Protein backbone atom coordinates (compact mmCIF):
# COMPACT_ATOMS: atom_id res chain seq x y z
CA UNK A 1 0.00 0.00 0.00
CA UNK A 2 1.33 3.39 -0.96
CA UNK A 3 0.55 6.67 0.77
CA UNK A 4 1.20 10.04 -0.80
CA UNK A 5 3.48 12.57 0.84
CA UNK A 6 0.53 14.96 1.07
CA UNK A 7 -1.43 12.37 3.06
CA UNK A 8 1.53 11.78 5.38
CA UNK A 9 1.94 15.52 5.94
CA UNK A 10 -1.77 15.88 6.72
CA UNK A 11 -1.64 13.00 9.21
CA UNK A 12 1.46 14.43 10.87
CA UNK A 13 -0.28 17.80 11.22
CA UNK A 14 -3.29 16.10 12.82
CA UNK A 15 -1.02 14.29 15.28
CA UNK A 16 0.52 17.65 16.21
CA UNK A 17 -2.85 19.15 17.17
CA UNK A 18 -2.45 20.32 20.78
CA UNK A 19 -4.47 18.68 23.54
CA UNK A 20 -4.75 20.06 27.05
CA UNK A 21 -3.92 17.55 29.78
CA UNK A 22 -4.65 20.12 32.47
CA UNK A 23 -5.15 23.86 32.69
CA UNK A 24 -1.41 24.50 32.36
CA UNK A 25 -0.12 21.50 30.37
CA UNK A 26 -0.72 20.90 26.71
CA UNK A 27 0.88 18.33 24.45
CA UNK A 28 0.22 16.53 21.21
CA UNK A 29 0.10 12.89 20.18
CA UNK A 30 3.11 13.27 17.88
CA UNK A 31 5.34 14.52 20.70
CA UNK A 32 4.00 11.93 23.13
CA UNK A 33 4.59 9.00 20.77
CA UNK A 34 8.05 10.29 19.87
CA UNK A 35 8.98 10.41 23.54
CA UNK A 36 7.53 6.96 24.25
CA UNK A 37 9.32 5.31 21.32
CA UNK A 38 12.57 7.09 22.09
CA UNK A 39 12.60 5.73 25.65
CA UNK A 40 11.65 2.25 24.49
CA UNK A 41 14.41 2.12 21.87
CA UNK A 42 16.97 3.50 24.30
CA UNK A 43 16.17 1.50 27.42
CA UNK A 44 13.73 -1.35 26.74
CA UNK A 45 14.62 -3.08 23.49
CA UNK A 46 14.15 -6.59 24.93
CA UNK A 47 10.79 -5.93 26.61
CA UNK A 48 9.45 -3.11 24.42
CA UNK A 49 5.98 -4.55 23.96
CA UNK A 50 5.51 -5.01 27.70
CA UNK A 51 6.78 -1.52 28.50
CA UNK A 52 4.84 0.43 25.83
CA UNK A 53 1.69 1.06 27.87
CA UNK A 54 3.59 1.54 31.13
CA UNK A 55 5.92 4.20 29.71
CA UNK A 56 3.07 5.98 27.92
CA UNK A 57 1.06 6.12 31.13
CA UNK A 58 3.99 7.39 33.18
CA UNK A 59 4.72 10.16 30.68
CA UNK A 60 1.08 11.29 30.75
CA UNK A 61 0.92 11.19 34.55
CA UNK A 62 4.17 12.91 35.38
CA UNK A 63 4.59 15.41 32.53
CA UNK A 64 8.33 15.13 33.09
CA UNK A 65 11.23 14.65 30.71
CA UNK A 66 13.48 12.03 32.28
CA UNK A 67 16.94 11.77 30.74
CA UNK A 68 17.44 8.15 31.87
CA UNK A 69 14.43 6.30 33.27
CA UNK A 70 16.77 3.93 35.11
CA UNK A 71 18.07 6.87 37.14
CA UNK A 72 15.59 9.20 38.78
CA UNK A 73 18.25 11.71 39.82
CA UNK A 74 18.16 13.68 36.57
CA UNK A 75 14.65 14.94 35.95
CA UNK A 76 13.92 18.03 33.90
CA UNK A 77 10.59 19.84 34.08
CA UNK A 78 8.59 19.62 30.87
CA UNK A 79 8.49 22.79 28.80
CA UNK A 80 5.03 24.07 27.96
CA UNK A 81 4.30 24.26 24.24
PDB file of N, CA and C in Angstrom:
ATOM      1  N   UNK A   1       0.845  -1.175   0.000  1.00  0.00           N
ATOM      2  CA  UNK A   1       0.000   0.000   0.000  1.00  0.00           C
ATOM      3  C   UNK A   1       0.890   1.237   0.000  1.00  0.00           C
ATOM      4  N   UNK A   2       0.549   2.165  -0.824  1.00  0.00           N
ATOM      5  CA  UNK A   2       1.325   3.388  -0.960  1.00  0.00           C
ATOM      6  C   UNK A   2       0.512   4.578  -0.450  1.00  0.00           C
ATOM      7  N   UNK A   3       1.193   5.468   0.241  1.00  0.00           N
ATOM      8  CA  UNK A   3       0.545   6.673   0.767  1.00  0.00           C
ATOM      9  C   UNK A   3       1.297   7.873   0.218  1.00  0.00           C
ATOM     10  N   UNK A   4       0.566   8.853  -0.243  1.00  0.00           N
ATOM     11  CA  UNK A   4       1.205  10.043  -0.802  1.00  0.00           C
ATOM     12  C   UNK A   4       1.858  10.878   0.294  1.00  0.00           C
ATOM     13  N   UNK A   5       2.825  11.678  -0.112  1.00  0.00           N
ATOM     14  CA  UNK A   5       3.478  12.572   0.841  1.00  0.00           C
ATOM     15  C   UNK A   5       2.503  13.598   1.400  1.00  0.00           C
ATOM     16  N   UNK A   6       1.550  14.004   0.601  1.00  0.00           N
ATOM     17  CA  UNK A   6       0.534  14.955   1.067  1.00  0.00           C
ATOM     18  C   UNK A   6      -0.304  14.345   2.189  1.00  0.00           C
ATOM     19  N   UNK A   7      -0.649  13.070   2.026  1.00  0.00           N
ATOM     20  CA  UNK A   7      -1.427  12.372   3.061  1.00  0.00           C
ATOM     21  C   UNK A   7      -0.606  12.245   4.334  1.00  0.00           C
ATOM     22  N   UNK A   8       0.659  11.903   4.209  1.00  0.00           N
ATOM     23  CA  UNK A   8       1.525  11.783   5.384  1.00  0.00           C
ATOM     24  C   UNK A   8       1.682  13.121   6.101  1.00  0.00           C
ATOM     25  N   UNK A   9       1.835  14.191   5.333  1.00  0.00           N
ATOM     26  CA  UNK A   9       1.944  15.519   5.940  1.00  0.00           C
ATOM     27  C   UNK A   9       0.656  15.899   6.670  1.00  0.00           C
ATOM     28  N   UNK A  10      -0.483  15.573   6.089  1.00  0.00           N
ATOM     29  CA  UNK A  10      -1.769  15.881   6.719  1.00  0.00           C
ATOM     30  C   UNK A  10      -1.925  15.097   8.020  1.00  0.00           C
ATOM     31  N   UNK A  11      -1.551  13.814   8.001  1.00  0.00           N
ATOM     32  CA  UNK A  11      -1.636  12.996   9.215  1.00  0.00           C
ATOM     33  C   UNK A  11      -0.694  13.512  10.305  1.00  0.00           C
ATOM     34  N   UNK A  12       0.497  13.893   9.908  1.00  0.00           N
ATOM     35  CA  UNK A  12       1.456  14.430  10.870  1.00  0.00           C
ATOM     36  C   UNK A  12       0.915  15.710  11.506  1.00  0.00           C
ATOM     37  N   UNK A  13       0.322  16.572  10.698  1.00  0.00           N
ATOM     38  CA  UNK A  13      -0.280  17.801  11.221  1.00  0.00           C
ATOM     39  C   UNK A  13      -1.403  17.495  12.208  1.00  0.00           C
ATOM     40  N   UNK A  14      -2.212  16.484  11.903  1.00  0.00           N
ATOM     41  CA  UNK A  14      -3.287  16.098  12.819  1.00  0.00           C
ATOM     42  C   UNK A  14      -2.728  15.571  14.129  1.00  0.00           C
ATOM     43  N   UNK A  15      -1.643  14.813  14.057  1.00  0.00           N
ATOM     44  CA  UNK A  15      -1.018  14.293  15.276  1.00  0.00           C
ATOM     45  C   UNK A  15      -0.422  15.411  16.127  1.00  0.00           C
ATOM     46  N   UNK A  16      -0.076  16.515  15.490  1.00  0.00           N
ATOM     47  CA  UNK A  16       0.523  17.648  16.210  1.00  0.00           C
ATOM     48  C   UNK A  16      -0.517  18.627  16.744  1.00  0.00           C
ATOM     49  N   UNK A  17      -1.794  18.311  16.611  1.00  0.00           N
ATOM     50  CA  UNK A  17      -2.850  19.153  17.166  1.00  0.00           C
ATOM     51  C   UNK A  17      -2.736  19.140  18.683  1.00  0.00           C
ATOM     52  N   UNK A  18      -2.631  20.295  19.325  1.00  0.00           N
ATOM     53  CA  UNK A  18      -2.452  20.316  20.784  1.00  0.00           C
ATOM     54  C   UNK A  18      -3.689  19.832  21.540  1.00  0.00           C
ATOM     55  N   UNK A  19      -3.431  19.144  22.622  1.00  0.00           N
ATOM     56  CA  UNK A  19      -4.473  18.676  23.543  1.00  0.00           C
ATOM     57  C   UNK A  19      -4.071  19.110  24.945  1.00  0.00           C
ATOM     58  N   UNK A  20      -5.028  19.598  25.699  1.00  0.00           N
ATOM     59  CA  UNK A  20      -4.751  20.057  27.055  1.00  0.00           C
ATOM     60  C   UNK A  20      -4.934  18.907  28.034  1.00  0.00           C
ATOM     61  N   UNK A  21      -3.857  18.589  28.760  1.00  0.00           N
ATOM     62  CA  UNK A  21      -3.915  17.550  29.779  1.00  0.00           C
ATOM     63  C   UNK A  21      -4.384  18.120  31.111  1.00  0.00           C
ATOM     64  N   UNK A  22      -4.167  19.402  31.290  1.00  0.00           N
ATOM     65  CA  UNK A  22      -4.651  20.124  32.470  1.00  0.00           C
ATOM     66  C   UNK A  22      -4.704  21.593  32.067  1.00  0.00           C
ATOM     67  N   UNK A  23      -5.035  22.441  33.000  1.00  0.00           N
ATOM     68  CA  UNK A  23      -5.150  23.865  32.691  1.00  0.00           C
ATOM     69  C   UNK A  23      -3.831  24.466  32.207  1.00  0.00           C
ATOM     70  N   UNK A  24      -2.703  23.907  32.663  1.00  0.00           N
ATOM     71  CA  UNK A  24      -1.408  24.496  32.357  1.00  0.00           C
ATOM     72  C   UNK A  24      -0.512  23.620  31.485  1.00  0.00           C
ATOM     73  N   UNK A  25      -0.958  22.423  31.138  1.00  0.00           N
ATOM     74  CA  UNK A  25      -0.121  21.502  30.369  1.00  0.00           C
ATOM     75  C   UNK A  25      -0.833  21.104  29.091  1.00  0.00           C
ATOM     76  N   UNK A  26      -0.165  21.365  27.972  1.00  0.00           N
ATOM     77  CA  UNK A  26      -0.715  20.898  26.710  1.00  0.00           C
ATOM     78  C   UNK A  26       0.372  20.113  25.979  1.00  0.00           C
ATOM     79  N   UNK A  27      -0.041  19.160  25.208  1.00  0.00           N
ATOM     80  CA  UNK A  27       0.879  18.328  24.453  1.00  0.00           C
ATOM     81  C   UNK A  27       0.173  17.885  23.190  1.00  0.00           C
ATOM     82  N   UNK A  28       0.850  17.084  22.396  1.00  0.00           N
ATOM     83  CA  UNK A  28       0.221  16.533  21.209  1.00  0.00           C
ATOM     84  C   UNK A  28       0.624  15.067  21.079  1.00  0.00           C
ATOM     85  N   UNK A  29      -0.135  14.320  20.322  1.00  0.00           N
ATOM     86  CA  UNK A  29       0.103  12.888  20.183  1.00  0.00           C
ATOM     87  C   UNK A  29       1.446  12.611  19.515  1.00  0.00           C
ATOM     88  N   UNK A  30       1.839  13.441  18.566  1.00  0.00           N
ATOM     89  CA  UNK A  30       3.113  13.266  17.883  1.00  0.00           C
ATOM     90  C   UNK A  30       4.278  13.343  18.878  1.00  0.00           C
ATOM     91  N   UNK A  31       4.275  14.357  19.702  1.00  0.00           N
ATOM     92  CA  UNK A  31       5.341  14.524  20.700  1.00  0.00           C
ATOM     93  C   UNK A  31       5.325  13.378  21.707  1.00  0.00           C
ATOM     94  N   UNK A  32       4.129  13.004  22.152  1.00  0.00           N
ATOM     95  CA  UNK A  32       3.999  11.932  23.132  1.00  0.00           C
ATOM     96  C   UNK A  32       4.542  10.618  22.574  1.00  0.00           C
ATOM     97  N   UNK A  33       4.120  10.251  21.369  1.00  0.00           N
ATOM     98  CA  UNK A  33       4.588   8.996  20.772  1.00  0.00           C
ATOM     99  C   UNK A  33       6.088   9.028  20.501  1.00  0.00           C
ATOM    100  N   UNK A  34       6.606  10.164  20.087  1.00  0.00           N
ATOM    101  CA  UNK A  34       8.048  10.291  19.868  1.00  0.00           C
ATOM    102  C   UNK A  34       8.816  10.038  21.153  1.00  0.00           C
ATOM    103  N   UNK A  35       8.332  10.597  22.237  1.00  0.00           N
ATOM    104  CA  UNK A  35       8.984  10.415  23.540  1.00  0.00           C
ATOM    105  C   UNK A  35       8.883   8.967  24.005  1.00  0.00           C
ATOM    106  N   UNK A  36       7.718   8.359  23.845  1.00  0.00           N
ATOM    107  CA  UNK A  36       7.529   6.957  24.252  1.00  0.00           C
ATOM    108  C   UNK A  36       8.472   6.055  23.466  1.00  0.00           C
ATOM    109  N   UNK A  37       8.473   6.185  22.149  1.00  0.00           N
ATOM    110  CA  UNK A  37       9.317   5.312  21.324  1.00  0.00           C
ATOM    111  C   UNK A  37      10.796   5.560  21.554  1.00  0.00           C
ATOM    112  N   UNK A  38      11.171   6.784  21.803  1.00  0.00           N
ATOM    113  CA  UNK A  38      12.567   7.086  22.091  1.00  0.00           C
ATOM    114  C   UNK A  38      13.033   6.365  23.354  1.00  0.00           C
ATOM    115  N   UNK A  39      12.226   6.410  24.392  1.00  0.00           N
ATOM    116  CA  UNK A  39      12.595   5.732  25.647  1.00  0.00           C
ATOM    117  C   UNK A  39      12.620   4.225  25.480  1.00  0.00           C
ATOM    118  N   UNK A  40      11.682   3.692  24.725  1.00  0.00           N
ATOM    119  CA  UNK A  40      11.651   2.246  24.495  1.00  0.00           C
ATOM    120  C   UNK A  40      12.893   1.801  23.730  1.00  0.00           C
ATOM    121  N   UNK A  41      13.247   2.505  22.672  1.00  0.00           N
ATOM    122  CA  UNK A  41      14.411   2.121  21.869  1.00  0.00           C
ATOM    123  C   UNK A  41      15.715   2.282  22.635  1.00  0.00           C
ATOM    124  N   UNK A  42      15.751   3.244  23.532  1.00  0.00           N
ATOM    125  CA  UNK A  42      16.965   3.502  24.295  1.00  0.00           C
ATOM    126  C   UNK A  42      17.137   2.543  25.471  1.00  0.00           C
ATOM    127  N   UNK A  43      16.039   2.207  26.146  1.00  0.00           N
ATOM    128  CA  UNK A  43      16.169   1.502  27.417  1.00  0.00           C
ATOM    129  C   UNK A  43      15.424   0.173  27.522  1.00  0.00           C
ATOM    130  N   UNK A  44      14.558  -0.152  26.583  1.00  0.00           N
ATOM    131  CA  UNK A  44      13.729  -1.349  26.741  1.00  0.00           C
ATOM    132  C   UNK A  44      13.584  -2.146  25.449  1.00  0.00           C
ATOM    133  N   UNK A  45      14.676  -2.369  24.757  1.00  0.00           N
ATOM    134  CA  UNK A  45      14.623  -3.084  23.486  1.00  0.00           C
ATOM    135  C   UNK A  45      14.096  -4.507  23.676  1.00  0.00           C
ATOM    136  N   UNK A  46      14.532  -5.192  24.719  1.00  0.00           N
ATOM    137  CA  UNK A  46      14.155  -6.587  24.925  1.00  0.00           C
ATOM    138  C   UNK A  46      12.704  -6.760  25.366  1.00  0.00           C
ATOM    139  N   UNK A  47      12.159  -5.794  26.094  1.00  0.00           N
ATOM    140  CA  UNK A  47      10.789  -5.928  26.605  1.00  0.00           C
ATOM    141  C   UNK A  47       9.909  -4.754  26.163  1.00  0.00           C
ATOM    142  N   UNK A  48      10.138  -4.297  24.933  1.00  0.00           N
ATOM    143  CA  UNK A  48       9.448  -3.110  24.415  1.00  0.00           C
ATOM    144  C   UNK A  48       7.934  -3.250  24.444  1.00  0.00           C
ATOM    145  N   UNK A  49       7.423  -4.375  24.010  1.00  0.00           N
ATOM    146  CA  UNK A  49       5.975  -4.553  23.960  1.00  0.00           C
ATOM    147  C   UNK A  49       5.361  -4.460  25.350  1.00  0.00           C
ATOM    148  N   UNK A  50       6.019  -5.049  26.334  1.00  0.00           N
ATOM    149  CA  UNK A  50       5.513  -5.015  27.705  1.00  0.00           C
ATOM    150  C   UNK A  50       5.591  -3.613  28.306  1.00  0.00           C
ATOM    151  N   UNK A  51       6.557  -2.834  27.910  1.00  0.00           N
ATOM    152  CA  UNK A  51       6.776  -1.515  28.501  1.00  0.00           C
ATOM    153  C   UNK A  51       6.005  -0.393  27.810  1.00  0.00           C
ATOM    154  N   UNK A  52       5.486  -0.629  26.606  1.00  0.00           N
ATOM    155  CA  UNK A  52       4.836   0.430  25.835  1.00  0.00           C
ATOM    156  C   UNK A  52       3.758   1.155  26.622  1.00  0.00           C
ATOM    157  N   UNK A  53       2.796   0.440  27.142  1.00  0.00           N
ATOM    158  CA  UNK A  53       1.692   1.064  27.869  1.00  0.00           C
ATOM    159  C   UNK A  53       2.170   1.697  29.169  1.00  0.00           C
ATOM    160  N   UNK A  54       3.082   1.023  29.856  1.00  0.00           N
ATOM    161  CA  UNK A  54       3.588   1.545  31.130  1.00  0.00           C
ATOM    162  C   UNK A  54       4.301   2.888  30.937  1.00  0.00           C
ATOM    163  N   UNK A  55       5.175   2.971  29.958  1.00  0.00           N
ATOM    164  CA  UNK A  55       5.917   4.203  29.711  1.00  0.00           C
ATOM    165  C   UNK A  55       4.979   5.316  29.258  1.00  0.00           C
ATOM    166  N   UNK A  56       4.046   4.981  28.383  1.00  0.00           N
ATOM    167  CA  UNK A  56       3.073   5.977  27.921  1.00  0.00           C
ATOM    168  C   UNK A  56       2.284   6.547  29.093  1.00  0.00           C
ATOM    169  N   UNK A  57       1.836   5.680  29.964  1.00  0.00           N
ATOM    170  CA  UNK A  57       1.060   6.116  31.126  1.00  0.00           C
ATOM    171  C   UNK A  57       1.893   6.995  32.055  1.00  0.00           C
ATOM    172  N   UNK A  58       3.130   6.602  32.300  1.00  0.00           N
ATOM    173  CA  UNK A  58       3.992   7.391  33.176  1.00  0.00           C
ATOM    174  C   UNK A  58       4.266   8.781  32.598  1.00  0.00           C
ATOM    175  N   UNK A  59       4.467   8.863  31.304  1.00  0.00           N
ATOM    176  CA  UNK A  59       4.717  10.160  30.676  1.00  0.00           C
ATOM    177  C   UNK A  59       3.492  11.050  30.832  1.00  0.00           C
ATOM    178  N   UNK A  60       2.304  10.492  30.608  1.00  0.00           N
ATOM    179  CA  UNK A  60       1.076  11.289  30.746  1.00  0.00           C
ATOM    180  C   UNK A  60       0.857  11.728  32.187  1.00  0.00           C
ATOM    181  N   UNK A  61       1.168  10.873  33.146  1.00  0.00           N
ATOM    182  CA  UNK A  61       0.915  11.187  34.552  1.00  0.00           C
ATOM    183  C   UNK A  61       1.901  12.193  35.117  1.00  0.00           C
ATOM    184  N   UNK A  62       3.151  12.077  34.748  1.00  0.00           N
ATOM    185  CA  UNK A  62       4.174  12.906  35.377  1.00  0.00           C
ATOM    186  C   UNK A  62       4.466  14.201  34.651  1.00  0.00           C
ATOM    187  N   UNK A  63       4.266  14.229  33.329  1.00  0.00           N
ATOM    188  CA  UNK A  63       4.591  15.406  32.526  1.00  0.00           C
ATOM    189  C   UNK A  63       6.035  15.834  32.741  1.00  0.00           C
ATOM    190  N   UNK A  64       6.920  14.853  32.892  1.00  0.00           N
ATOM    191  CA  UNK A  64       8.332  15.134  33.094  1.00  0.00           C
ATOM    192  C   UNK A  64       9.152  14.554  31.963  1.00  0.00           C
ATOM    193  N   UNK A  65      10.261  15.205  31.640  1.00  0.00           N
ATOM    194  CA  UNK A  65      11.231  14.653  30.707  1.00  0.00           C
ATOM    195  C   UNK A  65      12.343  14.028  31.544  1.00  0.00           C
ATOM    196  N   UNK A  66      12.474  12.725  31.496  1.00  0.00           N
ATOM    197  CA  UNK A  66      13.484  12.032  32.282  1.00  0.00           C
ATOM    198  C   UNK A  66      14.606  11.626  31.339  1.00  0.00           C
ATOM    199  N   UNK A  67      15.818  12.083  31.620  1.00  0.00           N
ATOM    200  CA  UNK A  67      16.939  11.765  30.741  1.00  0.00           C
ATOM    201  C   UNK A  67      17.191  10.264  30.689  1.00  0.00           C
ATOM    202  N   UNK A  68      17.189   9.589  31.814  1.00  0.00           N
ATOM    203  CA  UNK A  68      17.443   8.152  31.871  1.00  0.00           C
ATOM    204  C   UNK A  68      16.457   7.549  32.858  1.00  0.00           C
ATOM    205  N   UNK A  69      15.454   6.830  32.365  1.00  0.00           N
ATOM    206  CA  UNK A  69      14.434   6.302  33.272  1.00  0.00           C
ATOM    207  C   UNK A  69      14.966   5.318  34.312  1.00  0.00           C
ATOM    208  N   UNK A  70      16.179   4.822  34.111  1.00  0.00           N
ATOM    209  CA  UNK A  70      16.773   3.930  35.108  1.00  0.00           C
ATOM    210  C   UNK A  70      17.322   4.712  36.300  1.00  0.00           C
ATOM    211  N   UNK A  71      17.580   5.999  36.080  1.00  0.00           N
ATOM    212  CA  UNK A  71      18.074   6.868  37.144  1.00  0.00           C
ATOM    213  C   UNK A  71      17.089   8.004  37.341  1.00  0.00           C
ATOM    214  N   UNK A  72      16.565   8.142  38.541  1.00  0.00           N
ATOM    215  CA  UNK A  72      15.590   9.200  38.779  1.00  0.00           C
ATOM    216  C   UNK A  72      16.237  10.467  39.324  1.00  0.00           C
ATOM    217  N   UNK A  73      17.561  10.544  39.271  1.00  0.00           N
ATOM    218  CA  UNK A  73      18.249  11.707  39.820  1.00  0.00           C
ATOM    219  C   UNK A  73      18.314  12.875  38.845  1.00  0.00           C
ATOM    220  N   UNK A  74      18.088  12.606  37.555  1.00  0.00           N
ATOM    221  CA  UNK A  74      18.164  13.676  36.569  1.00  0.00           C
ATOM    222  C   UNK A  74      16.808  13.855  35.902  1.00  0.00           C
ATOM    223  N   UNK A  75      15.975  14.687  36.483  1.00  0.00           N
ATOM    224  CA  UNK A  75      14.650  14.939  35.949  1.00  0.00           C
ATOM    225  C   UNK A  75      14.533  16.409  35.585  1.00  0.00           C
ATOM    226  N   UNK A  76      14.089  16.657  34.377  1.00  0.00           N
ATOM    227  CA  UNK A  76      13.920  18.032  33.904  1.00  0.00           C
ATOM    228  C   UNK A  76      12.439  18.318  33.774  1.00  0.00           C
ATOM    229  N   UNK A  77      11.999  19.474  34.229  1.00  0.00           N
ATOM    230  CA  UNK A  77      10.589  19.843  34.076  1.00  0.00           C
ATOM    231  C   UNK A  77      10.217  19.984  32.614  1.00  0.00           C
ATOM    232  N   UNK A  78       9.061  19.541  32.248  1.00  0.00           N
ATOM    233  CA  UNK A  78       8.595  19.624  30.870  1.00  0.00           C
ATOM    234  C   UNK A  78       8.337  21.072  30.511  1.00  0.00           C
ATOM    235  N   UNK A  79       8.763  21.448  29.312  1.00  0.00           N
ATOM    236  CA  UNK A  79       8.488  22.790  28.801  1.00  0.00           C
ATOM    237  C   UNK A  79       7.060  22.830  28.265  1.00  0.00           C
ATOM    238  N   UNK A  80       6.357  23.903  28.533  1.00  0.00           N
ATOM    239  CA  UNK A  80       5.027  24.070  27.959  1.00  0.00           C
ATOM    240  C   UNK A  80       5.174  24.449  26.513  1.00  0.00           C
ATOM    241  N   UNK A  81       4.240  23.970  25.681  1.00  0.00           N
ATOM    242  CA  UNK A  81       4.301  24.265  24.244  1.00  0.00           C
ATOM    243  C   UNK A  81       3.998  25.720  23.982  1.00  0.00           C
TER     244      UNK A  81
END
